[in-house]
Amino acid sequence: MCSLGSSYKRTSDTPERILEFDLTTELNHGMAVSNLAYAVAEELGLEEHLCYELAIAGMLHDIGKLKLTCYINGQECNPLVIEELKYVRMHPTLGYEELKDQGYSDFILESILYHHENYDGSGYPANKAGEEIPVGARILRVCDVFSALSSNRPYRKAFDRETAIELMIEEVKNFDMDVFIAFQKVIHNT
C-alpha cells in the first residue's frame, strides 16, 4: 500500500521510464492550469463564479494521479510504459470519484472528469465529442495541454511558448475553436 509520502519524487532505477510523479511539479502544473483556465473562462465571458470554480477545477484536475503514484513510480512493480499509460488514463475518473462527495459543484466535478476528452471524440474516459463535453472540461483541455507542453517533463525539455502553440495548432481538432481562440487571446496578452 502506498502512502501520501511516497508521492514525492524518487530516483528511478529505470531511466527508460517516461512517467514520474513529483508532487511539487504537479502542484505547479495545477496552479498554471488554474490561472490560465480562469483567464480563458473570463475571456469567454463566463460568469465570475464559474471562472472561480474553473480555477478550483484547474488546481484539482489531476488529483486522481495521487491514487496511481505507487504504480507510476514503480513501487509495487516495474510496469511497461504501455501499462503505465493505461493506468494513467484512469486519473480523471479516480479524481472525480475522490472529490464527488466532498461538496464540489457538478461544474467542477464534470470539468475534472472530462478534461481529457477531445473535441473530435477521440479522448477519454467517455469519448464525448463537441458540445457534449462540458465547457469547463473544454477549457481545462486547452490549458492542460499548453501547461504540459511548456513545462519540463522527464522525457523532454519544455517547449517555448511559440512552439507549444504551434504544436497545439497541429492538433487543433482536439479543441473547441471558441475556447482555443480565447486561449490564444489570453496567451498573447500576457
Protein backbone atom coordinates (compact mmCIF):
# COMPACT_ATOMS: atom_id res chain seq x y z
CA MET A 1 0.00 0.00 0.00
CA CYS A 2 1.29 3.42 -0.77
CA SER A 3 1.21 6.48 1.42
CA LEU A 4 0.99 10.14 0.56
CA GLY A 5 4.66 10.48 1.47
CA SER A 6 5.56 8.17 -1.38
CA SER A 7 4.13 10.67 -3.85
CA TYR A 8 7.31 12.71 -3.58
CA LYS A 9 9.78 12.28 -6.42
CA ARG A 10 12.24 9.47 -6.04
CA THR A 11 15.18 8.49 -8.18
CA SER A 12 14.11 5.88 -10.70
CA ASP A 13 16.33 2.86 -11.31
CA THR A 14 14.89 2.57 -14.79
CA PRO A 15 15.87 5.54 -16.96
CA GLU A 16 13.56 4.42 -19.76
CA ARG A 17 10.54 5.38 -17.65
CA ILE A 18 8.63 8.30 -19.11
CA LEU A 19 6.17 8.79 -16.26
CA GLU A 20 7.04 10.03 -12.81
CA PHE A 21 5.07 11.70 -10.08
CA ASP A 22 6.65 14.70 -8.44
CA LEU A 23 4.28 16.44 -6.04
CA THR A 24 5.93 19.86 -6.48
CA THR A 25 5.76 19.58 -10.26
CA GLU A 26 2.11 18.50 -10.11
CA LEU A 27 1.21 21.41 -7.81
CA ASN A 28 2.97 23.89 -10.11
CA HIS A 29 1.15 22.38 -13.10
CA GLY A 30 -2.18 22.64 -11.26
CA MET A 31 -1.54 26.31 -10.45
CA ALA A 32 -0.61 27.07 -14.05
CA VAL A 33 -3.73 25.34 -15.39
CA SER A 34 -5.86 27.04 -12.73
CA ASN A 35 -4.65 30.55 -13.56
CA LEU A 36 -4.89 30.03 -17.29
CA ALA A 37 -8.35 28.42 -17.06
CA TYR A 38 -9.65 31.34 -15.02
CA ALA A 39 -8.34 33.82 -17.60
CA VAL A 40 -9.73 31.84 -20.56
CA ALA A 41 -13.14 31.49 -18.89
CA GLU A 42 -13.15 35.23 -18.23
CA GLU A 43 -12.20 35.90 -21.88
CA LEU A 44 -15.12 33.70 -22.96
CA GLY A 45 -17.47 35.79 -20.81
CA LEU A 46 -18.37 33.12 -18.27
CA GLU A 47 -19.92 34.37 -15.05
CA GLU A 48 -17.46 35.24 -12.27
CA HIS A 49 -18.49 32.31 -10.06
CA LEU A 50 -17.86 29.87 -12.95
CA CYS A 51 -14.43 31.41 -13.58
CA TYR A 52 -13.65 30.89 -9.91
CA GLU A 53 -14.93 27.30 -9.97
CA LEU A 54 -12.85 26.60 -13.06
CA ALA A 55 -9.78 27.88 -11.19
CA ILE A 56 -10.56 25.30 -8.49
CA ALA A 57 -11.04 22.57 -11.11
CA GLY A 58 -7.73 23.56 -12.70
CA MET A 59 -5.93 23.14 -9.41
CA LEU A 60 -7.55 19.75 -8.76
CA HIS A 61 -7.80 18.34 -12.29
CA ASP A 62 -5.00 15.77 -11.85
CA ILE A 63 -5.73 14.80 -8.23
CA GLY A 64 -6.62 11.29 -9.39
CA LYS A 65 -2.92 10.74 -10.09
CA LEU A 66 -2.38 10.54 -6.32
CA LYS A 67 -4.18 7.20 -6.43
CA LEU A 68 -1.69 5.99 -9.05
CA THR A 69 1.60 7.15 -7.53
CA CYS A 70 2.79 3.72 -6.43
CA TYR A 71 2.09 2.31 -9.84
CA ILE A 72 3.62 5.26 -11.73
CA ASN A 73 6.74 5.30 -9.55
CA GLY A 74 7.15 1.54 -9.84
CA GLN A 75 6.99 0.90 -6.12
CA GLU A 76 4.62 -2.05 -6.45
CA CYS A 77 6.05 -3.37 -9.70
CA ASN A 78 8.14 -2.25 -12.64
CA PRO A 79 5.46 -1.90 -15.33
CA LEU A 80 5.93 -1.46 -19.04
CA VAL A 81 5.31 2.03 -20.38
CA ILE A 82 2.14 0.91 -22.19
CA GLU A 83 0.75 -0.41 -18.92
CA GLU A 84 1.57 2.87 -17.20
CA LEU A 85 -0.34 4.79 -19.85
CA LYS A 86 -3.38 2.54 -19.40
CA TYR A 87 -3.47 3.30 -15.69
CA VAL A 88 -2.71 7.00 -16.03
CA ARG A 89 -5.78 7.30 -18.27
CA MET A 90 -7.82 6.38 -15.19
CA HIS A 91 -6.83 9.55 -13.32
CA PRO A 92 -9.80 11.74 -14.38
CA THR A 93 -12.25 9.10 -13.15
CA LEU A 94 -10.27 8.49 -9.96
CA GLY A 95 -10.17 12.23 -9.28
CA TYR A 96 -13.91 12.54 -9.84
CA GLU A 97 -14.58 9.61 -7.50
CA GLU A 98 -12.30 11.09 -4.83
CA LEU A 99 -13.98 14.52 -4.93
CA LYS A 100 -17.64 13.76 -5.65
CA ASP A 101 -18.71 13.51 -2.00
CA GLN A 102 -16.65 16.47 -0.78
CA GLY A 103 -19.03 19.29 -1.63
CA TYR A 104 -17.70 20.36 -5.02
CA SER A 105 -20.19 21.55 -7.63
CA ASP A 106 -21.17 19.46 -10.64
CA PHE A 107 -19.41 22.06 -12.80
CA ILE A 108 -16.08 21.41 -11.04
CA LEU A 109 -16.56 17.64 -10.94
CA GLU A 110 -17.51 17.33 -14.62
CA SER A 111 -14.67 19.63 -15.65
CA ILE A 112 -12.24 17.29 -13.88
CA LEU A 113 -13.86 14.09 -15.12
CA TYR A 114 -13.85 15.10 -18.78
CA HIS A 115 -10.67 17.21 -19.04
CA HIS A 116 -9.06 14.64 -21.36
CA GLU A 117 -11.96 14.50 -23.82
CA ASN A 118 -11.04 15.73 -27.29
CA TYR A 119 -13.46 17.83 -29.29
CA ASP A 120 -13.35 15.27 -32.12
CA GLY A 121 -14.43 12.46 -29.76
CA SER A 122 -11.06 10.74 -29.53
CA GLY A 123 -10.39 11.46 -25.84
CA TYR A 124 -11.16 9.66 -22.61
CA PRO A 125 -12.81 8.50 -20.36
CA ALA A 126 -16.14 8.62 -22.25
CA ASN A 127 -15.26 9.56 -25.86
CA LYS A 128 -17.52 12.59 -25.67
CA ALA A 129 -17.37 14.98 -28.62
CA GLY A 130 -18.17 18.61 -29.36
CA GLU A 131 -20.78 20.31 -27.23
CA GLU A 132 -21.49 17.17 -25.19
CA ILE A 133 -18.18 17.87 -23.42
CA PRO A 134 -18.89 20.32 -20.58
CA VAL A 135 -17.47 23.79 -21.27
CA GLY A 136 -15.28 23.65 -18.17
CA ALA A 137 -13.64 20.47 -19.42
CA ARG A 138 -13.13 22.01 -22.86
CA ILE A 139 -11.34 24.94 -21.24
CA LEU A 140 -9.23 22.71 -19.00
CA ARG A 141 -8.27 20.59 -22.02
CA VAL A 142 -6.63 23.51 -23.80
CA CYS A 143 -4.99 24.90 -20.66
CA ASP A 144 -3.72 21.48 -19.55
CA VAL A 145 -2.11 20.77 -22.93
CA PHE A 146 -0.40 24.17 -23.03
CA SER A 147 0.89 23.81 -19.48
CA ALA A 148 2.20 20.31 -20.21
CA LEU A 149 3.95 21.41 -23.41
CA SER A 150 5.51 24.46 -21.79
CA SER A 151 6.88 22.51 -18.79
CA ASN A 152 9.86 20.22 -18.44
CA ARG A 153 8.99 16.53 -18.44
CA PRO A 154 11.14 13.52 -17.51
CA TYR A 155 11.44 12.66 -21.20
CA ARG A 156 11.89 16.15 -22.75
CA LYS A 157 12.60 19.82 -22.09
CA ALA A 158 9.84 22.42 -22.07
CA PHE A 159 8.84 23.94 -25.38
CA ASP A 160 8.90 27.72 -25.69
CA ARG A 161 5.52 29.46 -25.92
CA GLU A 162 5.51 29.79 -29.71
CA THR A 163 6.47 26.15 -30.30
CA ALA A 164 3.87 24.95 -27.79
CA ILE A 165 1.15 26.90 -29.60
CA GLU A 166 2.35 25.60 -32.99
CA LEU A 167 2.12 22.04 -31.68
CA MET A 168 -1.38 22.72 -30.40
CA ILE A 169 -2.43 24.13 -33.78
CA GLU A 170 -1.26 20.88 -35.38
CA GLU A 171 -3.72 19.06 -33.10
CA VAL A 172 -6.46 21.71 -33.17
CA LYS A 173 -9.10 19.02 -33.87
CA ASN A 174 -8.81 18.20 -30.16
CA PHE A 175 -10.04 21.63 -29.07
CA ASP A 176 -13.21 23.69 -29.12
CA MET A 177 -12.28 26.52 -31.52
CA ASP A 178 -14.03 29.22 -29.45
CA VAL A 179 -12.04 28.10 -26.40
CA PHE A 180 -8.82 27.86 -28.41
CA ILE A 181 -9.25 31.39 -29.79
CA ALA A 182 -9.96 32.76 -26.30
CA PHE A 183 -6.88 30.88 -25.02
CA GLN A 184 -4.72 32.46 -27.76
CA LYS A 185 -6.01 35.93 -26.87
CA VAL A 186 -5.09 35.33 -23.23
CA ILE A 187 -1.64 33.94 -24.09
CA HIS A 188 -0.82 36.77 -26.47
CA ASN A 189 -1.95 39.43 -23.99
CA THR A 190 0.32 38.17 -21.21
